[in-house]
Amino acid sequence: MNVVTRGIKNALRSPLRSGAIILMLAISIGLILSMLVARSSVDEKISEVKASSGTGITITPAGVRGFSGGGNALTSTELATVTNTAHITSTSVSLEDQLGTSDTNLTASLEMGNFGQRQMRFETESASSSASSTTINGATTTDSTATTPPAMVARITVTGTTDTSSISADGSDLNITSGESFDNTSSDLVAIVGTDLADKNSLAVGDTFTAYSSTVKVIGIFDTGNAFTDSGIIMPLVTVQTLTDQTDAISSIVATVDSSDNVSSTVTALKTALSTTADITSEVEQAEASVSSLASISSLALAGVIGATVAGAIIILLAMIIIVRERRHEIGVIKAIGGSNFKVVTQFVTEAMTLTAIGSVIGLVLGVLVCGPLTSSLVSSQSSSTNQSTKIGGGPSNTSSSTSSTENGAPEMIRQGFDKIGQNFAQVTGTLTPTVFIASIGITFLIAIVGSAIPVWFIARIRPAEVLRTE
């Protein structure tokens, strides 16, 4: 019987002890596989987040906030500067304007509440008074009547854009409920209208309305779920520039960076290049928060892999030390009859490999079964921790208003940012890949080798004469 066969048979010499060792190894190896799956899935999501989340940079005219403040419009010169900046992969351009009652035959769908009236109070005509004198029986009386300021009416926002997806909150394609969108390079007198404005004015696809003394055709109706946006009109950029006599004018540039890792350096480069002509903001904080939370899960999973590997190696190490100590006499006899250290070591390493292999098969099956739930559990735990710390820190809660405006866009952006973080957690699922499976098998062999190292050293030190004399 050769040493390999003997080693395999010796591995099962004591069924109770071998079963306990195999069970502990199976749990350890199952945990290794599960943690490797969790880490691989999270790392894949981190790469996806870096490439898609928090990569947007918004460039607006300096000093402009919504329709308040000053500032000169951006032009194609600034657009060329942005486009040619390193790490920027794409840009979308827009120009916003507002339709007053004299500019269109449409009725605004937004109601002017007390907040809106407060913002518009300086734009209404001030009250004026007129007086007339009347003489009755030699007495002169003055009749003063004050004219009432005109009623405040909400305006209709018109957005010209080269990319309708930039209008939606999450950057996805605009939800066209009927009709179709326009070509981004078009200059036709066409528009897609928000559902609220369309309902208010009974507009349907194919209808027309007046804007800036021109007749515009409705080719689509869109719905974003945001009352402010759904009360507006979206048209091709060139069309709005032409209708409003703002040739080459741009009110906003949204640039996409190749990775969130490069956002900070790109913002710095843009601030240097554009100087005082533009205000620049980014979503890098959102990406950092999302990646940081996911990275903590990856680190936890890596710690789990290391811990389970060490535990497995210790299990084999202790088991083989006990086995070698119990069988010192057998080892001495084998050496006394001519067995070399190599043959004896091979026999015991084979024994360790056999125990590890059986434990690996059971552990890998166990790992496949639990990797999905374990990944979900880790993600859910971290997500709950992140949400709780956000609330304690005074961050936004889950409750939000159904309407927003350009003026209160910052809180809305923050809320959307944390919603995006929650979506990132929800989208992490445990997926077993061939690479992860092979890595798990490699680690099991490492466990067997490391666990056998010290027993091999003990075997090499055993002298047949001393063993036989003491026996």
Protein backbone atom coordinates (compact mmCIF):
# COMPACT_ATOMS: atom_id res chain seq x y z
CA MET A 1 0.00 0.00 0.00
CA ASN A 2 1.57 3.31 -1.02
CA VAL A 3 1.77 6.34 1.28
CA VAL A 4 -1.04 8.26 -0.50
CA THR A 5 -3.54 5.42 -0.13
CA ARG A 6 -2.48 4.92 3.47
CA GLY A 7 -2.93 8.63 4.17
CA ILE A 8 -6.45 8.64 2.73
CA LYS A 9 -7.46 5.61 4.81
CA ASN A 10 -5.88 7.02 7.96
CA ALA A 11 -7.94 10.21 7.56
CA LEU A 12 -11.06 8.17 8.32
CA ARG A 13 -9.48 5.91 10.95
CA SER A 14 -11.41 7.61 13.75
CA PRO A 15 -14.89 8.45 12.36
CA LEU A 16 -15.97 10.56 15.35
CA ARG A 17 -12.87 12.73 15.42
CA SER A 18 -12.71 12.95 11.63
CA GLY A 19 -16.38 13.93 11.51
CA ALA A 20 -15.85 16.72 14.04
CA ILE A 21 -12.84 18.05 12.12
CA ILE A 22 -14.67 17.88 8.80
CA LEU A 23 -17.70 19.67 10.26
CA MET A 24 -15.61 22.52 11.66
CA LEU A 25 -13.71 22.80 8.38
CA ALA A 26 -16.97 22.80 6.41
CA ILE A 27 -18.33 25.69 8.44
CA SER A 28 -15.08 27.60 8.05
CA ILE A 29 -14.86 27.01 4.29
CA GLY A 30 -18.56 27.79 3.82
CA LEU A 31 -17.98 31.10 5.59
CA ILE A 32 -14.96 31.80 3.39
CA LEU A 33 -16.98 31.25 0.21
CA SER A 34 -19.89 33.37 1.48
CA MET A 35 -17.62 36.23 2.47
CA LEU A 36 -15.76 36.07 -0.85
CA VAL A 37 -19.09 36.27 -2.69
CA ALA A 38 -20.20 39.22 -0.56
CA ARG A 39 -16.93 41.07 -1.11
CA SER A 40 -16.90 40.37 -4.84
CA SER A 41 -20.50 41.57 -5.22
CA VAL A 42 -19.89 44.72 -3.19
CA ASP A 43 -16.65 45.53 -5.03
CA GLU A 44 -18.47 45.15 -8.33
CA LYS A 45 -21.15 47.54 -7.10
CA ILE A 46 -18.51 50.02 -5.92
CA SER A 47 -17.01 50.07 -9.42
CA GLU A 48 -20.47 50.62 -10.86
CA VAL A 49 -21.23 53.43 -8.42
CA LYS A 50 -17.94 55.15 -9.18
CA ALA A 51 -18.73 55.04 -12.88
CA SER A 52 -22.34 56.19 -12.64
CA SER A 53 -23.15 57.86 -9.31
CA GLY A 54 -21.91 61.25 -8.26
CA THR A 55 -20.12 61.77 -11.59
CA GLY A 56 -22.17 64.80 -12.59
CA ILE A 57 -20.79 68.35 -12.51
CA THR A 58 -23.17 71.29 -12.99
CA ILE A 59 -21.82 74.52 -14.46
CA THR A 60 -24.04 77.62 -14.31
CA PRO A 61 -23.45 81.36 -14.90
CA ALA A 62 -21.75 82.95 -11.91
CA GLY A 63 -24.19 84.56 -9.50
CA VAL A 64 -27.30 82.89 -10.89
CA ARG A 65 -29.57 80.86 -8.64
CA GLY A 66 -32.67 79.69 -10.43
CA PHE A 67 -34.25 82.84 -11.83
CA SER A 68 -32.81 85.02 -9.08
CA GLY A 69 -29.56 86.92 -9.02
CA GLY A 70 -27.41 88.11 -11.86
CA GLY A 71 -24.74 86.72 -14.10
CA ASN A 72 -24.08 86.53 -17.81
CA ALA A 73 -25.18 83.47 -19.74
CA LEU A 74 -22.61 80.88 -20.67
CA THR A 75 -21.74 80.45 -24.33
CA SER A 76 -20.23 77.89 -26.68
CA THR A 77 -16.81 79.14 -25.58
CA GLU A 78 -17.35 77.92 -22.02
CA LEU A 79 -18.95 74.74 -23.40
CA ALA A 80 -15.83 74.01 -25.45
CA THR A 81 -13.68 74.54 -22.36
CA VAL A 82 -15.78 72.07 -20.39
CA THR A 83 -15.88 69.49 -23.19
CA ASN A 84 -12.09 69.57 -23.63
CA THR A 85 -11.36 69.12 -19.91
CA ALA A 86 -9.75 65.81 -18.99
CA HIS A 87 -11.97 62.97 -17.67
CA ILE A 88 -15.22 64.52 -18.99
CA THR A 89 -16.99 61.97 -21.15
CA SER A 90 -20.18 63.83 -22.12
CA THR A 91 -22.10 67.06 -21.64
CA SER A 92 -25.72 68.11 -21.78
CA VAL A 93 -26.68 71.75 -22.30
CA SER A 94 -29.83 73.65 -21.41
CA LEU A 95 -31.30 77.13 -21.50
CA GLU A 96 -34.21 78.06 -19.24
CA ASP A 97 -36.69 80.86 -19.73
CA GLN A 98 -40.12 81.76 -18.43
CA LEU A 99 -43.34 82.44 -20.26
CA GLY A 100 -45.41 85.31 -18.90
CA THR A 101 -49.07 85.92 -19.70
CA SER A 102 -48.11 88.14 -22.63
CA ASP A 103 -45.80 85.48 -24.10
CA THR A 104 -48.24 82.60 -24.43
CA ASN A 105 -51.89 81.58 -24.59
CA LEU A 106 -51.30 78.85 -22.00
CA THR A 107 -52.41 79.04 -18.38
CA ALA A 108 -49.86 78.09 -15.77
CA SER A 109 -50.75 74.92 -13.86
CA LEU A 110 -48.87 75.91 -10.70
CA GLU A 111 -50.87 77.85 -8.13
CA MET A 112 -49.17 80.93 -6.73
CA GLY A 113 -49.11 80.20 -2.99
CA ASN A 114 -47.99 82.55 -0.24
CA PHE A 115 -44.34 81.54 -0.68
CA GLY A 116 -44.46 82.17 -4.41
CA GLN A 117 -46.23 85.49 -3.90
CA ARG A 118 -43.52 86.52 -1.48
CA GLN A 119 -40.86 85.80 -4.11
CA MET A 120 -42.76 87.65 -6.84
CA ARG A 121 -43.81 90.72 -4.87
CA PHE A 122 -41.17 93.00 -6.39
CA GLU A 123 -42.20 92.07 -9.91
CA THR A 124 -45.75 93.35 -9.62
CA GLU A 125 -46.66 96.91 -10.31
CA SER A 126 -46.77 99.07 -7.24
CA ALA A 127 -50.09 100.45 -6.23
CA SER A 128 -50.88 103.86 -7.66
CA SER A 129 -53.47 106.35 -6.60
CA SER A 130 -55.46 108.94 -8.52
CA ALA A 131 -57.38 111.89 -7.12
CA SER A 132 -60.23 113.97 -8.53
CA SER A 133 -61.52 117.24 -7.12
CA THR A 134 -65.19 118.18 -7.04
CA THR A 135 -66.66 121.56 -5.97
CA ILE A 136 -70.06 121.41 -4.30
CA ASN A 137 -71.67 124.56 -2.88
CA GLY A 138 -68.32 126.29 -2.85
CA ALA A 139 -66.60 123.43 -0.99
CA THR A 140 -63.94 121.37 -2.69
CA THR A 141 -63.71 117.63 -1.91
CA THR A 142 -61.03 115.21 -3.02
CA ASP A 143 -61.89 111.63 -3.98
CA SER A 144 -58.86 109.34 -3.84
CA THR A 145 -59.09 105.83 -5.27
CA ALA A 146 -56.20 103.39 -5.23
CA THR A 147 -55.73 100.96 -8.07
CA THR A 148 -55.21 97.35 -7.04
CA PRO A 149 -51.91 95.79 -8.06
CA PRO A 150 -52.33 93.13 -10.74
CA ALA A 151 -52.82 89.60 -9.47
CA MET A 152 -49.68 87.53 -9.18
CA VAL A 153 -49.64 84.74 -11.73
CA ALA A 154 -47.19 81.85 -11.80
CA ARG A 155 -45.07 81.66 -14.89
CA ILE A 156 -44.39 78.69 -17.11
CA THR A 157 -40.83 77.42 -17.26
CA VAL A 158 -39.46 76.64 -20.70
CA THR A 159 -36.35 74.46 -20.89
CA GLY A 160 -34.33 74.09 -24.05
CA THR A 161 -32.01 71.10 -23.88
CA THR A 162 -29.72 68.85 -25.87
CA ASP A 163 -30.50 65.88 -23.63
CA THR A 164 -33.98 65.26 -22.24
CA SER A 165 -32.65 62.66 -19.77
CA SER A 166 -30.96 65.51 -17.87
CA ILE A 167 -34.45 66.77 -16.95
CA SER A 168 -35.35 63.62 -15.00
CA ALA A 169 -34.26 63.46 -11.37
CA ASP A 170 -32.32 60.20 -11.67
CA GLY A 171 -30.76 60.78 -15.08
CA SER A 172 -32.85 58.10 -16.76
CA ASP A 173 -34.76 58.55 -19.99
CA LEU A 174 -37.65 60.97 -19.63
CA ASN A 175 -40.96 59.17 -19.12
CA ILE A 176 -43.00 60.05 -22.21
CA THR A 177 -46.59 59.07 -21.43
CA SER A 178 -47.85 59.82 -24.97
CA GLY A 179 -46.32 60.89 -28.24
CA GLU A 180 -42.55 61.04 -28.61
CA SER A 181 -39.53 63.15 -27.77
CA PHE A 182 -37.60 65.36 -30.18
CA ASP A 183 -34.18 64.97 -31.74
CA ASN A 184 -31.63 66.62 -29.48
CA THR A 185 -30.14 68.53 -32.41
CA SER A 186 -33.52 69.70 -33.73
CA SER A 187 -34.43 73.36 -34.26
CA ASP A 188 -38.11 72.72 -35.05
CA LEU A 189 -40.98 74.51 -33.32
CA VAL A 190 -41.93 71.45 -31.28
CA ALA A 191 -42.27 70.75 -27.57
CA ILE A 192 -43.02 68.07 -25.04
CA VAL A 193 -45.29 69.28 -22.25
CA GLY A 194 -45.52 68.22 -18.60
CA THR A 195 -48.64 66.32 -17.58
CA ASP A 196 -49.84 69.00 -15.13
CA LEU A 197 -49.59 71.79 -17.72
CA ALA A 198 -51.17 69.59 -20.39
CA ASP A 199 -54.12 68.75 -18.13
CA LYS A 200 -54.58 72.39 -17.15
CA ASN A 201 -54.78 73.48 -20.79
CA SER A 202 -56.38 70.33 -22.23
CA LEU A 203 -53.38 69.74 -24.46
CA ALA A 204 -52.84 66.51 -26.34
CA VAL A 205 -50.26 65.28 -28.83
CA GLY A 206 -50.75 67.15 -32.10
CA ASP A 207 -52.19 70.31 -30.51
CA THR A 208 -50.48 73.67 -30.79
CA PHE A 209 -49.95 76.64 -28.49
CA THR A 210 -48.45 80.09 -28.78
CA ALA A 211 -45.04 80.92 -27.31
CA TYR A 212 -43.08 84.09 -28.00
CA SER A 213 -45.50 84.96 -30.85
CA SER A 214 -44.79 81.63 -32.57
CA THR A 215 -46.94 78.54 -32.95
CA VAL A 216 -45.43 75.48 -31.30
CA LYS A 217 -46.62 71.91 -31.86
CA VAL A 218 -46.99 69.43 -28.97
CA ILE A 219 -45.32 66.16 -29.96
CA GLY A 220 -45.27 64.51 -26.55
CA ILE A 221 -46.47 64.55 -22.93
CA PHE A 222 -44.01 63.70 -20.15
CA ASP A 223 -44.33 62.83 -16.48
CA THR A 224 -41.49 63.05 -13.93
CA GLY A 225 -43.58 62.83 -10.77
CA ASN A 226 -42.38 66.32 -9.80
CA ALA A 227 -45.08 69.02 -9.82
CA PHE A 228 -42.64 71.81 -10.70
CA THR A 229 -41.09 69.98 -13.65
CA ASP A 230 -44.45 68.61 -14.85
CA SER A 231 -45.76 72.18 -15.05
CA GLY A 232 -43.16 73.14 -17.62
CA ILE A 233 -42.30 72.80 -21.29
CA ILE A 234 -39.24 71.15 -22.84
CA MET A 235 -38.05 72.16 -26.29
CA PRO A 236 -34.88 71.73 -28.37
CA LEU A 237 -32.09 74.04 -27.21
CA VAL A 238 -31.69 75.81 -30.56
CA THR A 239 -35.43 76.44 -30.70
CA VAL A 240 -35.48 78.19 -27.32
CA GLN A 241 -32.36 80.17 -28.17
CA THR A 242 -34.01 81.37 -31.38
CA LEU A 243 -37.44 82.16 -29.91
CA THR A 244 -35.99 84.12 -26.99
CA ASP A 245 -33.36 85.95 -29.07
CA GLN A 246 -30.57 84.35 -27.01
CA THR A 247 -28.40 82.89 -29.73
CA ASP A 248 -25.54 80.84 -28.27
CA ALA A 249 -26.78 81.45 -24.70
CA ILE A 250 -26.57 78.60 -22.16
CA SER A 251 -27.95 78.62 -18.63
CA SER A 252 -26.62 75.25 -17.53
CA ILE A 253 -24.03 72.64 -18.54
CA VAL A 254 -24.11 69.21 -16.93
CA ALA A 255 -20.84 67.36 -17.48
CA THR A 256 -20.33 63.65 -16.80
CA VAL A 257 -16.96 62.47 -15.47
CA ASP A 258 -15.58 59.00 -16.21
CA SER A 259 -15.32 58.09 -12.50
CA SER A 260 -16.27 59.67 -9.20
CA ASP A 261 -12.60 59.32 -8.22
CA ASN A 262 -11.81 62.04 -10.77
CA VAL A 263 -14.64 64.47 -9.91
CA SER A 264 -12.69 66.56 -7.39
CA SER A 265 -9.71 67.08 -9.70
CA THR A 266 -12.03 67.86 -12.61
CA VAL A 267 -13.92 70.46 -10.58
CA THR A 268 -10.62 72.08 -9.65
CA ALA A 269 -9.53 72.16 -13.30
CA LEU A 270 -12.86 73.69 -14.38
CA LYS A 271 -12.72 76.37 -11.69
CA THR A 272 -9.26 77.33 -12.89
CA ALA A 273 -10.29 77.34 -16.56
CA LEU A 274 -13.63 79.15 -16.16
CA SER A 275 -12.44 81.47 -13.38
CA THR A 276 -15.22 83.85 -12.25
CA THR A 277 -17.55 83.27 -15.20
CA ALA A 278 -19.28 80.22 -13.76
CA ASP A 279 -20.40 78.53 -10.55
CA ILE A 280 -19.52 74.84 -10.37
CA THR A 281 -21.16 72.22 -8.19
CA SER A 282 -20.86 68.44 -8.09
CA GLU A 283 -22.39 65.37 -6.48
CA VAL A 284 -19.06 64.01 -5.26
CA GLU A 285 -20.26 63.97 -1.64
CA GLN A 286 -23.14 61.69 -2.63
CA ALA A 287 -20.79 59.26 -4.37
CA GLU A 288 -18.33 59.32 -1.47
CA ALA A 289 -21.10 58.55 1.02
CA SER A 290 -22.37 55.67 -1.10
CA VAL A 291 -18.92 54.22 -1.80
CA SER A 292 -17.84 54.64 1.83
CA SER A 293 -20.82 52.64 3.09
CA LEU A 294 -20.26 49.91 0.52
CA ALA A 295 -16.51 49.86 1.20
CA SER A 296 -17.17 49.14 4.88
CA ILE A 297 -19.09 46.01 3.85
CA SER A 298 -16.21 44.98 1.58
CA SER A 299 -13.74 45.44 4.45
CA LEU A 300 -15.97 43.44 6.79
CA ALA A 301 -16.21 40.63 4.23
CA LEU A 302 -12.43 40.61 3.76
CA ALA A 303 -11.97 40.39 7.53
CA GLY A 304 -14.40 37.47 7.52
CA VAL A 305 -12.40 35.69 4.81
CA ILE A 306 -9.14 36.17 6.70
CA GLY A 307 -10.70 35.11 10.00
CA ALA A 308 -12.29 31.99 8.52
CA THR A 309 -9.04 31.06 6.73
CA VAL A 310 -7.03 31.39 9.94
CA ALA A 311 -9.68 29.39 11.82
CA GLY A 312 -9.57 26.61 9.22
CA ALA A 313 -5.77 26.48 9.29
CA ILE A 314 -5.77 26.31 13.10
CA ILE A 315 -8.32 23.48 13.04
CA ILE A 316 -6.14 21.40 10.71
CA LEU A 317 -2.98 22.40 12.59
CA LEU A 318 -4.30 21.30 15.98
CA ALA A 319 -5.83 18.14 14.55
CA MET A 320 -2.60 17.10 12.84
CA ILE A 321 -0.49 17.91 15.91
CA ILE A 322 -2.71 15.63 17.98
CA ILE A 323 -2.58 12.91 15.32
CA VAL A 324 1.21 13.11 15.01
CA ARG A 325 1.70 12.99 18.79
CA GLU A 326 -0.62 9.99 19.08
CA ARG A 327 1.20 8.13 16.32
CA ARG A 328 4.81 8.85 17.24
CA HIS A 329 5.45 5.11 17.67
CA GLU A 330 4.02 4.36 14.20
CA ILE A 331 6.20 7.06 12.68
CA GLY A 332 9.27 5.71 14.47
CA VAL A 333 8.61 2.18 13.23
CA ILE A 334 8.13 3.36 9.63
CA LYS A 335 11.42 5.24 9.79
CA ALA A 336 13.17 2.26 11.47
CA ILE A 337 12.25 -0.10 8.61
CA GLY A 338 13.58 2.32 6.01
CA GLY A 339 10.79 4.84 5.50
CA SER A 340 12.15 8.24 4.58
CA ASN A 341 11.01 11.53 6.04
CA PHE A 342 9.51 12.36 2.62
CA LYS A 343 7.28 9.28 2.61
CA VAL A 344 6.12 9.83 6.17
CA VAL A 345 5.46 13.52 5.54
CA THR A 346 3.58 12.66 2.33
CA GLN A 347 1.36 10.25 4.23
CA PHE A 348 0.37 12.80 6.85
CA VAL A 349 -0.03 15.66 4.36
CA THR A 350 -2.31 13.38 2.33
CA GLU A 351 -4.29 12.73 5.47
CA ALA A 352 -4.66 16.47 6.09
CA MET A 353 -5.57 17.07 2.45
CA THR A 354 -8.22 14.33 2.62
CA LEU A 355 -9.88 15.87 5.65
CA THR A 356 -9.70 19.30 4.05
CA ALA A 357 -11.09 18.05 0.73
CA ILE A 358 -14.10 16.40 2.35
CA GLY A 359 -14.70 19.49 4.47
CA SER A 360 -14.33 21.65 1.37
CA VAL A 361 -16.98 19.79 -0.59
CA ILE A 362 -19.47 20.13 2.25
CA GLY A 363 -18.37 23.72 2.97
CA LEU A 364 -18.64 24.85 -0.65
CA VAL A 365 -22.15 23.43 -0.91
CA LEU A 366 -23.03 25.19 2.34
CA GLY A 367 -21.46 28.40 1.07
CA VAL A 368 -23.43 28.32 -2.18
CA LEU A 369 -26.64 27.96 -0.20
CA VAL A 370 -25.99 30.79 2.27
CA CYS A 371 -23.94 33.30 0.24
CA GLY A 372 -27.03 35.13 -1.04
CA PRO A 373 -28.80 35.51 2.32
CA LEU A 374 -25.52 36.38 4.07
CA THR A 375 -24.74 39.12 1.54
CA SER A 376 -28.25 40.53 1.92
CA SER A 377 -27.91 40.42 5.70
CA LEU A 378 -24.60 42.33 5.65
CA VAL A 379 -26.00 44.94 3.27
CA SER A 380 -29.23 45.36 5.24
CA SER A 381 -27.32 45.76 8.49
CA GLN A 382 -25.02 48.41 7.02
CA SER A 383 -27.94 50.17 5.30
CA SER A 384 -29.86 50.38 8.59
CA SER A 385 -26.77 51.71 10.35
CA THR A 386 -26.25 54.36 7.66
CA ASN A 387 -29.89 55.48 7.75
CA GLN A 388 -29.84 55.70 11.54
CA SER A 389 -26.64 57.77 11.59
CA THR A 390 -28.12 60.05 8.94
CA LYS A 391 -31.18 60.74 11.09
CA ILE A 392 -29.05 61.31 14.20
CA GLY A 393 -26.85 63.67 12.24
CA GLY A 394 -29.79 65.77 11.16
CA GLY A 395 -29.90 64.46 7.61
CA PRO A 396 -33.02 64.21 5.54
CA SER A 397 -35.72 61.79 6.55
CA ASN A 398 -37.77 59.60 4.26
CA THR A 399 -40.56 62.12 4.15
CA SER A 400 -40.33 64.67 1.37
CA SER A 401 -42.56 67.14 -0.36
CA SER A 402 -44.09 66.17 -3.65
CA THR A 403 -43.23 69.51 -5.16
CA SER A 404 -40.03 71.44 -5.52
CA SER A 405 -38.68 74.45 -7.30
CA THR A 406 -35.36 75.72 -8.46
CA GLU A 407 -35.04 77.71 -5.26
CA ASN A 408 -35.39 74.73 -2.97
CA GLY A 409 -33.46 72.38 -5.26
CA ALA A 410 -30.61 71.84 -2.80
CA PRO A 411 -32.68 69.96 -0.18
CA GLU A 412 -34.31 68.00 -2.99
CA MET A 413 -30.90 67.08 -4.40
CA ILE A 414 -29.72 65.95 -0.96
CA ARG A 415 -32.83 63.81 -0.53
CA GLN A 416 -32.33 62.26 -3.96
CA GLY A 417 -28.68 61.63 -3.06
CA PHE A 418 -29.57 59.62 0.03
CA ASP A 419 -32.32 57.83 -1.92
CA LYS A 420 -29.62 56.86 -4.41
CA ILE A 421 -27.45 55.49 -1.60
CA GLY A 422 -30.39 53.37 -0.45
CA GLN A 423 -30.85 52.10 -4.01
CA ASN A 424 -27.17 51.16 -4.18
CA PHE A 425 -27.59 49.02 -1.04
CA ALA A 426 -30.75 47.42 -2.40
CA GLN A 427 -29.09 46.51 -5.69
CA VAL A 428 -26.22 44.54 -4.07
CA THR A 429 -26.94 40.83 -4.45
CA GLY A 430 -24.70 37.86 -3.81
CA THR A 431 -23.50 36.34 -7.10
CA LEU A 432 -21.18 33.35 -7.21
CA THR A 433 -18.68 33.71 -10.05
CA PRO A 434 -16.13 31.13 -11.30
CA THR A 435 -13.31 33.38 -10.07
CA VAL A 436 -14.71 33.43 -6.53
CA PHE A 437 -15.28 29.67 -6.58
CA ILE A 438 -11.71 28.98 -7.73
CA ALA A 439 -10.38 31.39 -5.09
CA SER A 440 -12.31 29.47 -2.44
CA ILE A 441 -10.77 26.17 -3.56
CA GLY A 442 -7.33 27.76 -3.54
CA ILE A 443 -7.82 28.94 0.02
CA THR A 444 -8.85 25.45 1.14
CA PHE A 445 -5.56 24.05 -0.19
CA LEU A 446 -3.74 26.87 1.57
CA ILE A 447 -5.47 25.84 4.78
CA ALA A 448 -4.28 22.24 4.33
CA ILE A 449 -0.70 23.28 3.57
CA VAL A 450 -0.44 25.76 6.44
CA GLY A 451 -2.16 23.37 8.83
CA SER A 452 0.33 20.63 7.95
CA ALA A 453 3.48 22.75 8.18
CA ILE A 454 4.21 22.38 11.91
CA PRO A 455 3.23 18.68 12.10
CA VAL A 456 5.65 18.06 9.21
CA TRP A 457 8.35 19.77 11.25
CA PHE A 458 7.52 17.50 14.23
CA ILE A 459 7.68 14.42 12.00
CA ALA A 460 11.12 15.37 10.70
CA ARG A 461 12.41 15.68 14.31
CA ILE A 462 11.24 12.22 15.39
CA ARG A 463 14.19 9.81 15.78
CA PRO A 464 13.31 6.08 15.46
CA ALA A 465 15.81 4.97 18.11
CA GLU A 466 14.46 7.36 20.73
CA VAL A 467 10.85 6.41 20.00
CA LEU A 468 11.48 2.67 20.15
CA ARG A 469 13.59 2.97 23.31
CA THR A 470 10.87 4.92 25.15
CA GLU A 471 8.19 2.55 23.92
